[in-house]
Amino acid sequence: MKKTILISLITILLFVQCEKESNRFLIQKGAIGNLTKSTPIKQIDSIFAQDSIVWLNPINNSLGIQGEIEIFEKGGKKLLLLSPENENDSNSVITNIQVFDDRYKTEQGFNSGSTFKDLKENYKITAIDNAINSVVIYLEDSEIFITIDKKQLPENVRYNYTTKIESTQIPLEATFKYFMIAWDVDDEITDEN
């Protein structure tokens, strides 16, 4: 009897731990893991207490955390790059996130290691911007946007910066150069009112 109770408790603890770990990497509207679009930059150290935090633009003689922040796992794997709305204000919220680790994923399993085919199967594309070396793809009802290097595109569209690029011109096997999340601060102010 005691053995059964002990095994049940261990199973429950393992299940809870696995659930916490999967939530840590879940991308949802307005949140990525425990980080939300209303989280001030000064709380980053407590949210990522188990990870290594690197401030890219530390400001001398400043009070609190300021500037862009890179998050690494203790083993050295780069997870995220966080950009605040105002780098000089420790109460500022994060507005842009670059995701490096493919464990961060949406409920549909979409992540930085996905392909353009995965994107098309899970999201509706609202716009494609033609930049100099890449195309930027915006998704309907999503804060995620993707950048694909033009080296992966057919040569007839690769060098023309003024042409409108259609989704049919992007190979399904194209991988992502950048997997980004953008939070609009104005939306946050509206949500709170």
C-alpha atoms as a PDB file:
ATOM      1  CA  MET A   1       0.000   0.000   0.000  1.00  0.00           C
ATOM      2  CA  LYS A   2       2.774   2.423   0.943  1.00  0.00           C
ATOM      3  CA  LYS A   3       4.602   1.544  -2.264  1.00  0.00           C
ATOM      4  CA  THR A   4       1.521   2.356  -4.363  1.00  0.00           C
ATOM      5  CA  ILE A   5       1.060   5.721  -2.654  1.00  0.00           C
ATOM      6  CA  LEU A   6       4.743   6.552  -3.100  1.00  0.00           C
ATOM      7  CA  ILE A   7       4.675   5.625  -6.793  1.00  0.00           C
ATOM      8  CA  SER A   8       1.492   7.676  -7.263  1.00  0.00           C
ATOM      9  CA  LEU A   9       3.081  10.718  -5.600  1.00  0.00           C
ATOM     10  CA  ILE A  10       6.230  10.430  -7.727  1.00  0.00           C
ATOM     11  CA  THR A  11       4.109  10.118 -10.892  1.00  0.00           C
ATOM     12  CA  ILE A  12       2.076  13.206  -9.950  1.00  0.00           C
ATOM     13  CA  LEU A  13       5.247  15.202  -9.197  1.00  0.00           C
ATOM     14  CA  LEU A  14       6.791  14.202 -12.534  1.00  0.00           C
ATOM     15  CA  PHE A  15       3.583  15.144 -14.366  1.00  0.00           C
ATOM     16  CA  VAL A  16       3.452  18.551 -12.651  1.00  0.00           C
ATOM     17  CA  GLN A  17       7.150  19.172 -13.412  1.00  0.00           C
ATOM     18  CA  CYS A  18       6.671  18.230 -17.101  1.00  0.00           C
ATOM     19  CA  GLU A  19       3.635  20.525 -17.299  1.00  0.00           C
ATOM     20  CA  LYS A  20       5.627  23.431 -15.797  1.00  0.00           C
ATOM     21  CA  GLU A  21       8.474  22.791 -18.262  1.00  0.00           C
ATOM     22  CA  SER A  22       6.112  22.746 -21.270  1.00  0.00           C
ATOM     23  CA  ASN A  23       4.379  25.952 -20.091  1.00  0.00           C
ATOM     24  CA  ARG A  24       7.777  27.601 -19.767  1.00  0.00           C
ATOM     25  CA  PHE A  25       8.160  27.331 -23.538  1.00  0.00           C
ATOM     26  CA  LEU A  26       4.564  27.977 -24.637  1.00  0.00           C
ATOM     27  CA  ILE A  27       3.933  30.961 -26.934  1.00  0.00           C
ATOM     28  CA  GLN A  28       0.428  32.406 -26.547  1.00  0.00           C
ATOM     29  CA  LYS A  29      -1.172  35.708 -27.411  1.00  0.00           C
ATOM     30  CA  GLY A  30       0.401  38.252 -25.067  1.00  0.00           C
ATOM     31  CA  ALA A  31       2.742  35.733 -23.416  1.00  0.00           C
ATOM     32  CA  ILE A  32       5.794  33.589 -23.964  1.00  0.00           C
ATOM     33  CA  GLY A  33       6.250  31.225 -21.056  1.00  0.00           C
ATOM     34  CA  ASN A  34       5.944  33.251 -17.841  1.00  0.00           C
ATOM     35  CA  LEU A  35       6.752  36.524 -19.607  1.00  0.00           C
ATOM     36  CA  THR A  36       3.720  38.630 -20.555  1.00  0.00           C
ATOM     37  CA  LYS A  37       3.381  41.847 -22.474  1.00  0.00           C
ATOM     38  CA  SER A  38       2.616  43.682 -19.218  1.00  0.00           C
ATOM     39  CA  THR A  39       5.737  42.442 -17.419  1.00  0.00           C
ATOM     40  CA  PRO A  40       8.113  45.324 -16.593  1.00  0.00           C
ATOM     41  CA  ILE A  41      11.761  44.806 -17.460  1.00  0.00           C
ATOM     42  CA  LYS A  42      12.725  44.999 -13.772  1.00  0.00           C
ATOM     43  CA  GLN A  43      11.019  41.593 -13.216  1.00  0.00           C
ATOM     44  CA  ILE A  44      13.089  39.751 -15.832  1.00  0.00           C
ATOM     45  CA  ASP A  45      15.615  38.527 -13.260  1.00  0.00           C
ATOM     46  CA  SER A  46      12.905  36.781 -11.219  1.00  0.00           C
ATOM     47  CA  ILE A  47      11.141  35.265 -14.266  1.00  0.00           C
ATOM     48  CA  PHE A  48      14.410  33.876 -15.637  1.00  0.00           C
ATOM     49  CA  ALA A  49      16.020  33.100 -12.260  1.00  0.00           C
ATOM     50  CA  GLN A  50      17.111  29.642 -13.445  1.00  0.00           C
ATOM     51  CA  ASP A  51      18.772  31.078 -16.566  1.00  0.00           C
ATOM     52  CA  SER A  52      21.659  33.427 -17.334  1.00  0.00           C
ATOM     53  CA  ILE A  53      20.747  37.030 -18.107  1.00  0.00           C
ATOM     54  CA  VAL A  54      23.003  39.315 -20.153  1.00  0.00           C
ATOM     55  CA  TRP A  55      22.274  43.054 -20.405  1.00  0.00           C
ATOM     56  CA  LEU A  56      23.568  44.200 -23.796  1.00  0.00           C
ATOM     57  CA  ASN A  57      23.525  47.955 -23.199  1.00  0.00           C
ATOM     58  CA  PRO A  58      24.016  48.464 -19.479  1.00  0.00           C
ATOM     59  CA  ILE A  59      23.766  52.087 -18.479  1.00  0.00           C
ATOM     60  CA  ASN A  60      26.370  53.236 -15.970  1.00  0.00           C
ATOM     61  CA  ASN A  61      25.111  54.639 -12.656  1.00  0.00           C
ATOM     62  CA  SER A  62      21.543  53.605 -13.414  1.00  0.00           C
ATOM     63  CA  LEU A  63      19.115  52.175 -10.934  1.00  0.00           C
ATOM     64  CA  GLY A  64      17.568  48.871 -11.921  1.00  0.00           C
ATOM     65  CA  ILE A  65      17.733  46.821 -15.087  1.00  0.00           C
ATOM     66  CA  GLN A  66      17.905  48.686 -18.372  1.00  0.00           C
ATOM     67  CA  GLY A  67      18.627  48.021 -22.056  1.00  0.00           C
ATOM     68  CA  GLU A  68      18.216  44.962 -24.273  1.00  0.00           C
ATOM     69  CA  ILE A  69      18.540  41.593 -22.588  1.00  0.00           C
ATOM     70  CA  GLU A  70      19.717  38.190 -23.813  1.00  0.00           C
ATOM     71  CA  ILE A  71      18.522  35.094 -21.980  1.00  0.00           C
ATOM     72  CA  PHE A  72      20.680  31.953 -21.964  1.00  0.00           C
ATOM     73  CA  GLU A  73      20.139  28.575 -20.349  1.00  0.00           C
ATOM     74  CA  LYS A  74      22.672  27.751 -17.644  1.00  0.00           C
ATOM     75  CA  GLY A  75      24.313  25.368 -20.143  1.00  0.00           C
ATOM     76  CA  GLY A  76      24.922  28.261 -22.532  1.00  0.00           C
ATOM     77  CA  LYS A  77      22.149  27.774 -25.092  1.00  0.00           C
ATOM     78  CA  LYS A  78      20.698  31.122 -26.234  1.00  0.00           C
ATOM     79  CA  LEU A  79      16.945  31.315 -25.621  1.00  0.00           C
ATOM     80  CA  LEU A  80      15.664  34.854 -26.248  1.00  0.00           C
ATOM     81  CA  LEU A  81      16.581  38.453 -26.998  1.00  0.00           C
ATOM     82  CA  LEU A  82      14.247  40.899 -25.235  1.00  0.00           C
ATOM     83  CA  SER A  83      13.878  44.532 -26.344  1.00  0.00           C
ATOM     84  CA  PRO A  84      12.034  46.969 -24.073  1.00  0.00           C
ATOM     85  CA  GLU A  85       9.909  49.865 -25.260  1.00  0.00           C
ATOM     86  CA  ASN A  86      12.240  52.312 -23.521  1.00  0.00           C
ATOM     87  CA  GLU A  87      15.773  51.122 -22.759  1.00  0.00           C
ATOM     88  CA  ASN A  88      16.275  53.857 -20.157  1.00  0.00           C
ATOM     89  CA  ASP A  89      13.303  52.907 -17.985  1.00  0.00           C
ATOM     90  CA  SER A  90      13.358  49.813 -15.751  1.00  0.00           C
ATOM     91  CA  ASN A  91       9.540  50.007 -15.556  1.00  0.00           C
ATOM     92  CA  SER A  92       9.290  49.710 -19.345  1.00  0.00           C
ATOM     93  CA  VAL A  93       7.651  46.591 -20.809  1.00  0.00           C
ATOM     94  CA  ILE A  94       9.074  44.271 -23.456  1.00  0.00           C
ATOM     95  CA  THR A  95       7.876  45.103 -26.974  1.00  0.00           C
ATOM     96  CA  ASN A  96       9.991  42.796 -29.158  1.00  0.00           C
ATOM     97  CA  ILE A  97      11.286  39.281 -28.619  1.00  0.00           C
ATOM     98  CA  GLN A  98      13.582  37.309 -30.866  1.00  0.00           C
ATOM     99  CA  VAL A  99      13.194  33.581 -30.240  1.00  0.00           C
ATOM    100  CA  PHE A 100      16.297  31.415 -30.729  1.00  0.00           C
ATOM    101  CA  ASP A 101      15.348  28.143 -29.030  1.00  0.00           C
ATOM    102  CA  ASP A 102      12.913  25.906 -30.928  1.00  0.00           C
ATOM    103  CA  ARG A 103      11.424  24.586 -27.671  1.00  0.00           C
ATOM    104  CA  TYR A 104       9.443  27.829 -27.583  1.00  0.00           C
ATOM    105  CA  LYS A 105       6.370  26.961 -29.608  1.00  0.00           C
ATOM    106  CA  THR A 106       2.717  27.773 -30.100  1.00  0.00           C
ATOM    107  CA  GLU A 107      -0.081  25.382 -29.200  1.00  0.00           C
ATOM    108  CA  GLN A 108       0.007  24.268 -32.859  1.00  0.00           C
ATOM    109  CA  GLY A 109       3.699  23.350 -32.478  1.00  0.00           C
ATOM    110  CA  PHE A 110       4.917  26.263 -34.623  1.00  0.00           C
ATOM    111  CA  ASN A 111       8.450  27.363 -33.643  1.00  0.00           C
ATOM    112  CA  SER A 112      11.736  28.825 -34.868  1.00  0.00           C
ATOM    113  CA  GLY A 113      12.723  25.457 -36.338  1.00  0.00           C
ATOM    114  CA  SER A 114       9.557  25.210 -38.440  1.00  0.00           C
ATOM    115  CA  THR A 115       9.416  25.723 -42.199  1.00  0.00           C
ATOM    116  CA  PHE A 116       7.323  27.956 -44.421  1.00  0.00           C
ATOM    117  CA  LYS A 117       5.080  24.937 -45.071  1.00  0.00           C
ATOM    118  CA  ASP A 118       4.360  24.698 -41.312  1.00  0.00           C
ATOM    119  CA  LEU A 119       3.543  28.403 -41.277  1.00  0.00           C
ATOM    120  CA  LYS A 120       1.085  28.090 -44.177  1.00  0.00           C
ATOM    121  CA  GLU A 121      -0.621  25.077 -42.566  1.00  0.00           C
ATOM    122  CA  ASN A 122      -1.205  26.886 -39.252  1.00  0.00           C
ATOM    123  CA  TYR A 123      -1.655  30.579 -40.076  1.00  0.00           C
ATOM    124  CA  LYS A 124      -3.099  32.965 -42.603  1.00  0.00           C
ATOM    125  CA  ILE A 125      -0.545  35.381 -44.020  1.00  0.00           C
ATOM    126  CA  THR A 126      -1.674  39.013 -43.893  1.00  0.00           C
ATOM    127  CA  ALA A 127       1.350  40.665 -45.510  1.00  0.00           C
ATOM    128  CA  ILE A 128       4.769  39.979 -46.984  1.00  0.00           C
ATOM    129  CA  ASP A 129       7.297  42.818 -46.964  1.00  0.00           C
ATOM    130  CA  ASN A 130      10.121  42.765 -49.477  1.00  0.00           C
ATOM    131  CA  ALA A 131      13.312  43.937 -47.745  1.00  0.00           C
ATOM    132  CA  ILE A 132      16.833  44.097 -49.166  1.00  0.00           C
ATOM    133  CA  ASN A 133      18.108  40.684 -48.009  1.00  0.00           C
ATOM    134  CA  SER A 134      14.958  39.076 -46.661  1.00  0.00           C
ATOM    135  CA  VAL A 135      11.184  38.910 -46.679  1.00  0.00           C
ATOM    136  CA  VAL A 136       9.159  39.621 -43.551  1.00  0.00           C
ATOM    137  CA  ILE A 137       5.931  37.670 -43.141  1.00  0.00           C
ATOM    138  CA  TYR A 138       3.085  38.858 -40.902  1.00  0.00           C
ATOM    139  CA  LEU A 139       0.390  36.496 -39.640  1.00  0.00           C
ATOM    140  CA  GLU A 140      -3.294  37.099 -39.018  1.00  0.00           C
ATOM    141  CA  ASP A 141      -4.331  37.241 -35.339  1.00  0.00           C
ATOM    142  CA  SER A 142      -0.773  36.593 -34.223  1.00  0.00           C
ATOM    143  CA  GLU A 143       1.980  38.656 -32.647  1.00  0.00           C
ATOM    144  CA  ILE A 144       4.546  36.454 -34.393  1.00  0.00           C
ATOM    145  CA  PHE A 145       6.313  37.597 -37.523  1.00  0.00           C
ATOM    146  CA  ILE A 146       8.882  35.679 -39.512  1.00  0.00           C
ATOM    147  CA  THR A 147      11.890  36.698 -41.600  1.00  0.00           C
ATOM    148  CA  ILE A 148      13.145  34.458 -44.409  1.00  0.00           C
ATOM    149  CA  ASP A 149      16.498  35.064 -46.089  1.00  0.00           C
ATOM    150  CA  LYS A 150      16.103  35.883 -49.786  1.00  0.00           C
ATOM    151  CA  LYS A 151      18.849  33.356 -50.589  1.00  0.00           C
ATOM    152  CA  GLN A 152      16.098  30.735 -50.231  1.00  0.00           C
ATOM    153  CA  LEU A 153      13.844  32.410 -52.828  1.00  0.00           C
ATOM    154  CA  PRO A 154      13.860  31.852 -56.592  1.00  0.00           C
ATOM    155  CA  GLU A 155      16.441  33.998 -58.355  1.00  0.00           C
ATOM    156  CA  ASN A 156      13.815  35.958 -60.334  1.00  0.00           C
ATOM    157  CA  VAL A 157      12.551  37.620 -57.100  1.00  0.00           C
ATOM    158  CA  ARG A 158      15.723  37.526 -55.027  1.00  0.00           C
ATOM    159  CA  TYR A 159      17.290  40.732 -56.367  1.00  0.00           C
ATOM    160  CA  ASN A 160      14.238  42.881 -57.091  1.00  0.00           C
ATOM    161  CA  TYR A 161      13.494  44.999 -54.022  1.00  0.00           C
ATOM    162  CA  THR A 162      10.396  46.651 -55.441  1.00  0.00           C
ATOM    163  CA  THR A 163       8.445  43.635 -56.623  1.00  0.00           C
ATOM    164  CA  LYS A 164       5.551  42.307 -54.574  1.00  0.00           C
ATOM    165  CA  ILE A 165       6.424  38.847 -53.319  1.00  0.00           C
ATOM    166  CA  GLU A 166       3.581  36.331 -53.141  1.00  0.00           C
ATOM    167  CA  SER A 167       3.492  33.389 -50.744  1.00  0.00           C
ATOM    168  CA  THR A 168       3.551  31.027 -53.746  1.00  0.00           C
ATOM    169  CA  GLN A 169       7.041  32.312 -54.577  1.00  0.00           C
ATOM    170  CA  ILE A 170       8.438  31.193 -51.231  1.00  0.00           C
ATOM    171  CA  PRO A 171       9.570  27.545 -51.201  1.00  0.00           C
ATOM    172  CA  LEU A 172       7.693  25.373 -48.703  1.00  0.00           C
ATOM    173  CA  GLU A 173      10.985  24.084 -47.284  1.00  0.00           C
ATOM    174  CA  ALA A 174      12.273  27.617 -46.553  1.00  0.00           C
ATOM    175  CA  THR A 175      13.533  28.014 -42.998  1.00  0.00           C
ATOM    176  CA  PHE A 176      13.410  31.112 -40.820  1.00  0.00           C
ATOM    177  CA  LYS A 177      16.190  33.617 -40.388  1.00  0.00           C
ATOM    178  CA  TYR A 178      14.339  35.309 -37.504  1.00  0.00           C
ATOM    179  CA  PHE A 179      11.358  34.196 -35.426  1.00  0.00           C
ATOM    180  CA  MET A 180      10.030  37.316 -33.742  1.00  0.00           C
ATOM    181  CA  ILE A 181       7.208  38.379 -31.444  1.00  0.00           C
ATOM    182  CA  ALA A 182       6.064  41.999 -31.308  1.00  0.00           C
ATOM    183  CA  TRP A 183       3.821  43.321 -28.568  1.00  0.00           C
ATOM    184  CA  ASP A 184       2.082  46.618 -29.149  1.00  0.00           C
ATOM    185  CA  VAL A 185       2.204  48.732 -25.992  1.00  0.00           C
ATOM    186  CA  ASP A 186      -0.841  50.725 -27.133  1.00  0.00           C
ATOM    187  CA  ASP A 187      -2.869  47.482 -27.136  1.00  0.00           C
ATOM    188  CA  GLU A 188      -1.809  46.881 -23.530  1.00  0.00           C
ATOM    189  CA  ILE A 189      -2.986  50.337 -22.481  1.00  0.00           C
ATOM    190  CA  THR A 190      -6.325  49.728 -24.219  1.00  0.00           C
ATOM    191  CA  ASP A 191      -6.689  46.278 -22.599  1.00  0.00           C
ATOM    192  CA  GLU A 192      -6.209  47.731 -19.110  1.00  0.00           C
ATOM    193  CA  ASN A 193      -8.926  50.395 -19.561  1.00  0.00           C
END
